[in-house]
């Protein structure tokens, strides 16, 4: 599964949960508040998906090639 499909699956999962929440339809404030909360969760998961997992060893992130074109 590619990144775009995984991101769409994440959004779909959270959107369905948000749609099924009866609390969101109590008033305009609740609607907007629950929507913002849902989108923050989606943003966090999609960002983590695009970045990948962080290495456990602090020295692993330093193994990049130096920029020799300076």
PDB file of N, CA and C in Angstrom:
ATOM      1  N   UNK A   1       0.852  -1.180   0.000  1.00  0.00           N
ATOM      2  CA  UNK A   1       0.000   0.000   0.000  1.00  0.00           C
ATOM      3  C   UNK A   1       0.893   1.237   0.000  1.00  0.00           C
ATOM      4  N   UNK A   2       0.646   2.145  -0.931  1.00  0.00           N
ATOM      5  CA  UNK A   2       1.483   3.337  -1.007  1.00  0.00           C
ATOM      6  C   UNK A   2       1.031   4.386   0.017  1.00  0.00           C
ATOM      7  N   UNK A   3       1.811   5.427   0.151  1.00  0.00           N
ATOM      8  CA  UNK A   3       1.583   6.448   1.173  1.00  0.00           C
ATOM      9  C   UNK A   3       0.246   7.155   0.986  1.00  0.00           C
ATOM     10  N   UNK A   4      -0.102   7.459  -0.256  1.00  0.00           N
ATOM     11  CA  UNK A   4      -1.361   8.162  -0.514  1.00  0.00           C
ATOM     12  C   UNK A   4      -2.554   7.312  -0.082  1.00  0.00           C
ATOM     13  N   UNK A   5      -2.530   6.043  -0.397  1.00  0.00           N
ATOM     14  CA  UNK A   5      -3.627   5.153  -0.012  1.00  0.00           C
ATOM     15  C   UNK A   5      -3.710   5.010   1.505  1.00  0.00           C
ATOM     16  N   UNK A   6      -2.560   4.952   2.162  1.00  0.00           N
ATOM     17  CA  UNK A   6      -2.559   4.859   3.624  1.00  0.00           C
ATOM     18  C   UNK A   6      -3.110   6.139   4.248  1.00  0.00           C
ATOM     19  N   UNK A   7      -2.747   7.302   3.690  1.00  0.00           N
ATOM     20  CA  UNK A   7      -3.248   8.577   4.203  1.00  0.00           C
ATOM     21  C   UNK A   7      -4.754   8.673   4.013  1.00  0.00           C
ATOM     22  N   UNK A   8      -5.251   8.228   2.877  1.00  0.00           N
ATOM     23  CA  UNK A   8      -6.695   8.240   2.639  1.00  0.00           C
ATOM     24  C   UNK A   8      -7.420   7.302   3.597  1.00  0.00           C
ATOM     25  N   UNK A   9      -6.814   6.163   3.895  1.00  0.00           N
ATOM     26  CA  UNK A   9      -7.415   5.227   4.843  1.00  0.00           C
ATOM     27  C   UNK A   9      -7.472   5.835   6.243  1.00  0.00           C
ATOM     28  N   UNK A  10      -6.437   6.555   6.632  1.00  0.00           N
ATOM     29  CA  UNK A  10      -6.416   7.230   7.935  1.00  0.00           C
ATOM     30  C   UNK A  10      -7.531   8.259   8.004  1.00  0.00           C
ATOM     31  N   UNK A  11      -7.651   9.078   6.954  1.00  0.00           N
ATOM     32  CA  UNK A  11      -8.694  10.101   6.934  1.00  0.00           C
ATOM     33  C   UNK A  11     -10.077   9.461   6.981  1.00  0.00           C
ATOM     34  N   UNK A  12     -10.266   8.420   6.196  1.00  0.00           N
ATOM     35  CA  UNK A  12     -11.568   7.755   6.145  1.00  0.00           C
ATOM     36  C   UNK A  12     -11.953   7.190   7.504  1.00  0.00           C
ATOM     37  N   UNK A  13     -10.976   6.581   8.200  1.00  0.00           N
ATOM     38  CA  UNK A  13     -11.243   6.009   9.517  1.00  0.00           C
ATOM     39  C   UNK A  13     -11.698   7.084  10.502  1.00  0.00           C
ATOM     40  N   UNK A  14     -10.969   8.197  10.562  1.00  0.00           N
ATOM     41  CA  UNK A  14     -11.308   9.256  11.506  1.00  0.00           C
ATOM     42  C   UNK A  14     -12.587   9.986  11.107  1.00  0.00           C
ATOM     43  N   UNK A  15     -12.813  10.153   9.820  1.00  0.00           N
ATOM     44  CA  UNK A  15     -14.012  10.840   9.358  1.00  0.00           C
ATOM     45  C   UNK A  15     -15.264  10.026   9.692  1.00  0.00           C
ATOM     46  N   UNK A  16     -15.191   8.711   9.526  1.00  0.00           N
ATOM     47  CA  UNK A  16     -16.334   7.862   9.872  1.00  0.00           C
ATOM     48  C   UNK A  16     -16.620   7.907  11.371  1.00  0.00           C
ATOM     49  N   UNK A  17     -15.579   7.935  12.189  1.00  0.00           N
ATOM     50  CA  UNK A  17     -15.775   8.050  13.634  1.00  0.00           C
ATOM     51  C   UNK A  17     -16.414   9.389  13.971  1.00  0.00           C
ATOM     52  N   UNK A  18     -15.966  10.443  13.298  1.00  0.00           N
ATOM     53  CA  UNK A  18     -16.503  11.773  13.552  1.00  0.00           C
ATOM     54  C   UNK A  18     -17.965  11.861  13.117  1.00  0.00           C
ATOM     55  N   UNK A  19     -18.295  11.269  11.978  1.00  0.00           N
ATOM     56  CA  UNK A  19     -19.672  11.299  11.496  1.00  0.00           C
ATOM     57  C   UNK A  19     -20.622  10.536  12.418  1.00  0.00           C
ATOM     58  N   UNK A  20     -20.158   9.482  13.032  1.00  0.00           N
ATOM     59  CA  UNK A  20     -21.018   8.673  13.885  1.00  0.00           C
ATOM     60  C   UNK A  20     -21.161   9.235  15.300  1.00  0.00           C
ATOM     61  N   UNK A  21     -20.429  10.294  15.623  1.00  0.00           N
ATOM     62  CA  UNK A  21     -20.488  10.898  16.954  1.00  0.00           C
ATOM     63  C   UNK A  21     -21.714  11.809  17.042  1.00  0.00           C
ATOM     64  N   UNK A  22     -22.695  11.468  17.872  1.00  0.00           N
ATOM     65  CA  UNK A  22     -23.893  12.318  17.953  1.00  0.00           C
ATOM     66  C   UNK A  22     -23.630  13.649  18.652  1.00  0.00           C
ATOM     67  N   UNK A  23     -22.554  13.735  19.410  1.00  0.00           N
ATOM     68  CA  UNK A  23     -22.239  14.964  20.138  1.00  0.00           C
ATOM     69  C   UNK A  23     -21.920  16.125  19.186  1.00  0.00           C
ATOM     70  N   UNK A  24     -21.473  15.810  17.969  1.00  0.00           N
ATOM     71  CA  UNK A  24     -21.066  16.867  17.039  1.00  0.00           C
ATOM     72  C   UNK A  24     -22.239  17.704  16.555  1.00  0.00           C
ATOM     73  N   UNK A  25     -23.463  17.172  16.645  1.00  0.00           N
ATOM     74  CA  UNK A  25     -24.621  17.879  16.127  1.00  0.00           C
ATOM     75  C   UNK A  25     -25.406  18.641  17.190  1.00  0.00           C
ATOM     76  N   UNK A  26     -24.852  18.761  18.399  1.00  0.00           N
ATOM     77  CA  UNK A  26     -25.566  19.474  19.465  1.00  0.00           C
ATOM     78  C   UNK A  26     -25.693  20.959  19.169  1.00  0.00           C
ATOM     79  N   UNK A  27     -24.604  21.565  18.728  1.00  0.00           N
ATOM     80  CA  UNK A  27     -24.640  22.983  18.357  1.00  0.00           C
ATOM     81  C   UNK A  27     -23.442  23.275  17.456  1.00  0.00           C
ATOM     82  N   UNK A  28     -23.348  24.485  16.977  1.00  0.00           N
ATOM     83  CA  UNK A  28     -22.269  24.851  16.066  1.00  0.00           C
ATOM     84  C   UNK A  28     -20.893  24.756  16.691  1.00  0.00           C
ATOM     85  N   UNK A  29     -20.806  25.120  17.962  1.00  0.00           N
ATOM     86  CA  UNK A  29     -19.511  25.053  18.638  1.00  0.00           C
ATOM     87  C   UNK A  29     -19.023  23.611  18.730  1.00  0.00           C
ATOM     88  N   UNK A  30     -19.907  22.697  19.124  1.00  0.00           N
ATOM     89  CA  UNK A  30     -19.531  21.278  19.223  1.00  0.00           C
ATOM     90  C   UNK A  30     -19.144  20.728  17.864  1.00  0.00           C
ATOM     91  N   UNK A  31     -19.865  21.126  16.825  1.00  0.00           N
ATOM     92  CA  UNK A  31     -19.574  20.654  15.467  1.00  0.00           C
ATOM     93  C   UNK A  31     -18.152  21.047  15.081  1.00  0.00           C
ATOM     94  N   UNK A  32     -17.848  22.331  15.258  1.00  0.00           N
ATOM     95  CA  UNK A  32     -16.516  22.815  14.882  1.00  0.00           C
ATOM     96  C   UNK A  32     -15.429  22.246  15.784  1.00  0.00           C
ATOM     97  N   UNK A  33     -15.697  22.141  17.064  1.00  0.00           N
ATOM     98  CA  UNK A  33     -14.715  21.621  18.010  1.00  0.00           C
ATOM     99  C   UNK A  33     -14.370  20.165  17.714  1.00  0.00           C
ATOM    100  N   UNK A  34     -15.372  19.350  17.458  1.00  0.00           N
ATOM    101  CA  UNK A  34     -15.100  17.949  17.163  1.00  0.00           C
ATOM    102  C   UNK A  34     -14.418  17.786  15.811  1.00  0.00           C
ATOM    103  N   UNK A  35     -14.751  18.659  14.854  1.00  0.00           N
ATOM    104  CA  UNK A  35     -14.104  18.602  13.544  1.00  0.00           C
ATOM    105  C   UNK A  35     -12.614  18.942  13.666  1.00  0.00           C
ATOM    106  N   UNK A  36     -12.305  19.977  14.415  1.00  0.00           N
ATOM    107  CA  UNK A  36     -10.908  20.371  14.610  1.00  0.00           C
ATOM    108  C   UNK A  36     -10.137  19.271  15.314  1.00  0.00           C
ATOM    109  N   UNK A  37     -10.741  18.664  16.308  1.00  0.00           N
ATOM    110  CA  UNK A  37     -10.092  17.568  17.026  1.00  0.00           C
ATOM    111  C   UNK A  37      -9.808  16.395  16.090  1.00  0.00           C
ATOM    112  N   UNK A  38     -10.777  16.064  15.238  1.00  0.00           N
ATOM    113  CA  UNK A  38     -10.604  14.967  14.289  1.00  0.00           C
ATOM    114  C   UNK A  38      -9.486  15.286  13.300  1.00  0.00           C
ATOM    115  N   UNK A  39      -9.446  16.503  12.790  1.00  0.00           N
ATOM    116  CA  UNK A  39      -8.425  16.868  11.816  1.00  0.00           C
ATOM    117  C   UNK A  39      -7.031  16.895  12.433  1.00  0.00           C
ATOM    118  N   UNK A  40      -6.915  17.272  13.694  1.00  0.00           N
ATOM    119  CA  UNK A  40      -5.615  17.237  14.366  1.00  0.00           C
ATOM    120  C   UNK A  40      -5.086  15.811  14.459  1.00  0.00           C
ATOM    121  N   UNK A  41      -5.966  14.865  14.747  1.00  0.00           N
ATOM    122  CA  UNK A  41      -5.558  13.460  14.790  1.00  0.00           C
ATOM    123  C   UNK A  41      -5.110  12.977  13.412  1.00  0.00           C
ATOM    124  N   UNK A  42      -5.876  13.368  12.385  1.00  0.00           N
ATOM    125  CA  UNK A  42      -5.535  12.976  11.014  1.00  0.00           C
ATOM    126  C   UNK A  42      -4.185  13.565  10.620  1.00  0.00           C
ATOM    127  N   UNK A  43      -3.994  14.851  10.902  1.00  0.00           N
ATOM    128  CA  UNK A  43      -2.728  15.510  10.559  1.00  0.00           C
ATOM    129  C   UNK A  43      -1.548  14.834  11.236  1.00  0.00           C
ATOM    130  N   UNK A  44      -1.695  14.504  12.508  1.00  0.00           N
ATOM    131  CA  UNK A  44      -0.609  13.868  13.256  1.00  0.00           C
ATOM    132  C   UNK A  44      -0.255  12.505  12.663  1.00  0.00           C
ATOM    133  N   UNK A  45      -1.268  11.702  12.347  1.00  0.00           N
ATOM    134  CA  UNK A  45      -1.007  10.367  11.814  1.00  0.00           C
ATOM    135  C   UNK A  45      -0.426  10.417  10.407  1.00  0.00           C
ATOM    136  N   UNK A  46      -0.907  11.350   9.581  1.00  0.00           N
ATOM    137  CA  UNK A  46      -0.385  11.465   8.216  1.00  0.00           C
ATOM    138  C   UNK A  46       1.055  11.980   8.247  1.00  0.00           C
ATOM    139  N   UNK A  47       1.347  12.912   9.125  1.00  0.00           N
ATOM    140  CA  UNK A  47       2.720  13.393   9.264  1.00  0.00           C
ATOM    141  C   UNK A  47       3.642  12.267   9.700  1.00  0.00           C
ATOM    142  N   UNK A  48       3.227  11.483  10.672  1.00  0.00           N
ATOM    143  CA  UNK A  48       4.038  10.352  11.133  1.00  0.00           C
ATOM    144  C   UNK A  48       4.232   9.341  10.017  1.00  0.00           C
ATOM    145  N   UNK A  49       3.201   9.141   9.216  1.00  0.00           N
ATOM    146  CA  UNK A  49       3.292   8.217   8.086  1.00  0.00           C
ATOM    147  C   UNK A  49       4.310   8.711   7.059  1.00  0.00           C
ATOM    148  N   UNK A  50       4.292  10.003   6.774  1.00  0.00           N
ATOM    149  CA  UNK A  50       5.194  10.532   5.749  1.00  0.00           C
ATOM    150  C   UNK A  50       6.638  10.610   6.234  1.00  0.00           C
ATOM    151  N   UNK A  51       6.838  10.805   7.530  1.00  0.00           N
ATOM    152  CA  UNK A  51       8.188  10.917   8.080  1.00  0.00           C
ATOM    153  C   UNK A  51       8.807   9.541   8.300  1.00  0.00           C
ATOM    154  N   UNK A  52       8.002   8.602   8.729  1.00  0.00           N
ATOM    155  CA  UNK A  52       8.510   7.275   9.041  1.00  0.00           C
ATOM    156  C   UNK A  52       8.887   7.188  10.502  1.00  0.00           C
ATOM    157  N   UNK A  53       9.518   6.109  10.863  1.00  0.00           N
ATOM    158  CA  UNK A  53       9.904   5.932  12.259  1.00  0.00           C
ATOM    159  C   UNK A  53      11.281   6.534  12.500  1.00  0.00           C
ATOM    160  N   UNK A  54      11.441   7.094  13.663  1.00  0.00           N
ATOM    161  CA  UNK A  54      12.725   7.686  14.034  1.00  0.00           C
ATOM    162  C   UNK A  54      13.684   6.576  14.460  1.00  0.00           C
ATOM    163  N   UNK A  55      14.962   6.691  14.125  1.00  0.00           N
ATOM    164  CA  UNK A  55      15.918   5.664  14.557  1.00  0.00           C
ATOM    165  C   UNK A  55      16.104   5.719  16.070  1.00  0.00           C
ATOM    166  N   UNK A  56      16.334   4.572  16.660  1.00  0.00           N
ATOM    167  CA  UNK A  56      16.519   4.492  18.113  1.00  0.00           C
ATOM    168  C   UNK A  56      17.908   4.976  18.528  1.00  0.00           C
ATOM    169  N   UNK A  57      18.906   4.739  17.684  1.00  0.00           N
ATOM    170  CA  UNK A  57      20.271   5.137  17.988  1.00  0.00           C
ATOM    171  C   UNK A  57      20.485   6.576  17.540  1.00  0.00           C
ATOM    172  N   UNK A  58      20.946   7.449  18.423  1.00  0.00           N
ATOM    173  CA  UNK A  58      21.110   8.855  18.079  1.00  0.00           C
ATOM    174  C   UNK A  58      22.160   9.073  16.993  1.00  0.00           C
ATOM    175  N   UNK A  59      23.076   8.130  16.804  1.00  0.00           N
ATOM    176  CA  UNK A  59      24.106   8.296  15.791  1.00  0.00           C
ATOM    177  C   UNK A  59      23.648   7.876  14.396  1.00  0.00           C
ATOM    178  N   UNK A  60      22.551   7.149  14.300  1.00  0.00           N
ATOM    179  CA  UNK A  60      22.075   6.705  12.999  1.00  0.00           C
ATOM    180  C   UNK A  60      21.615   7.869  12.135  1.00  0.00           C
ATOM    181  N   UNK A  61      21.076   8.916  12.734  1.00  0.00           N
ATOM    182  CA  UNK A  61      20.598  10.043  11.955  1.00  0.00           C
ATOM    183  C   UNK A  61      21.756  10.864  11.368  1.00  0.00           C
ATOM    184  N   UNK A  62      22.977  10.639  11.836  1.00  0.00           N
ATOM    185  CA  UNK A  62      24.136  11.396  11.365  1.00  0.00           C
ATOM    186  C   UNK A  62      24.831  10.725  10.185  1.00  0.00           C
ATOM    187  N   UNK A  63      24.290   9.631   9.682  1.00  0.00           N
ATOM    188  CA  UNK A  63      24.937   8.897   8.609  1.00  0.00           C
ATOM    189  C   UNK A  63      24.560   9.419   7.227  1.00  0.00           C
ATOM    190  N   UNK A  64      24.325  10.691   7.090  1.00  0.00           N
ATOM    191  CA  UNK A  64      24.000  11.237   5.771  1.00  0.00           C
ATOM    192  C   UNK A  64      25.289  11.685   5.101  1.00  0.00           C
ATOM    193  N   UNK A  65      25.223  11.763   3.779  1.00  0.00           N
ATOM    194  CA  UNK A  65      26.404  12.206   3.020  1.00  0.00           C
ATOM    195  C   UNK A  65      26.568  13.715   3.184  1.00  0.00           C
ATOM    196  N   UNK A  66      27.790  14.187   3.309  1.00  0.00           N
ATOM    197  CA  UNK A  66      27.987  15.643   3.439  1.00  0.00           C
ATOM    198  C   UNK A  66      27.709  16.350   2.128  1.00  0.00           C
ATOM    199  N   UNK A  67      27.316  17.594   2.219  1.00  0.00           N
ATOM    200  CA  UNK A  67      27.038  18.403   1.035  1.00  0.00           C
ATOM    201  C   UNK A  67      28.380  18.930   0.502  1.00  0.00           C
ATOM    202  N   UNK A  68      28.853  18.348  -0.595  1.00  0.00           N
ATOM    203  CA  UNK A  68      30.166  18.699  -1.136  1.00  0.00           C
ATOM    204  C   UNK A  68      30.117  19.822  -2.169  1.00  0.00           C
ATOM    205  N   UNK A  69      28.920  20.318  -2.487  1.00  0.00           N
ATOM    206  CA  UNK A  69      28.799  21.342  -3.511  1.00  0.00           C
ATOM    207  C   UNK A  69      28.937  22.752  -2.962  1.00  0.00           C
ATOM    208  N   UNK A  70      29.265  22.929  -1.750  1.00  0.00           N
ATOM    209  CA  UNK A  70      29.377  24.274  -1.167  1.00  0.00           C
ATOM    210  C   UNK A  70      30.592  24.991  -1.623  1.00  0.00           C
TER     211      UNK A  70
END
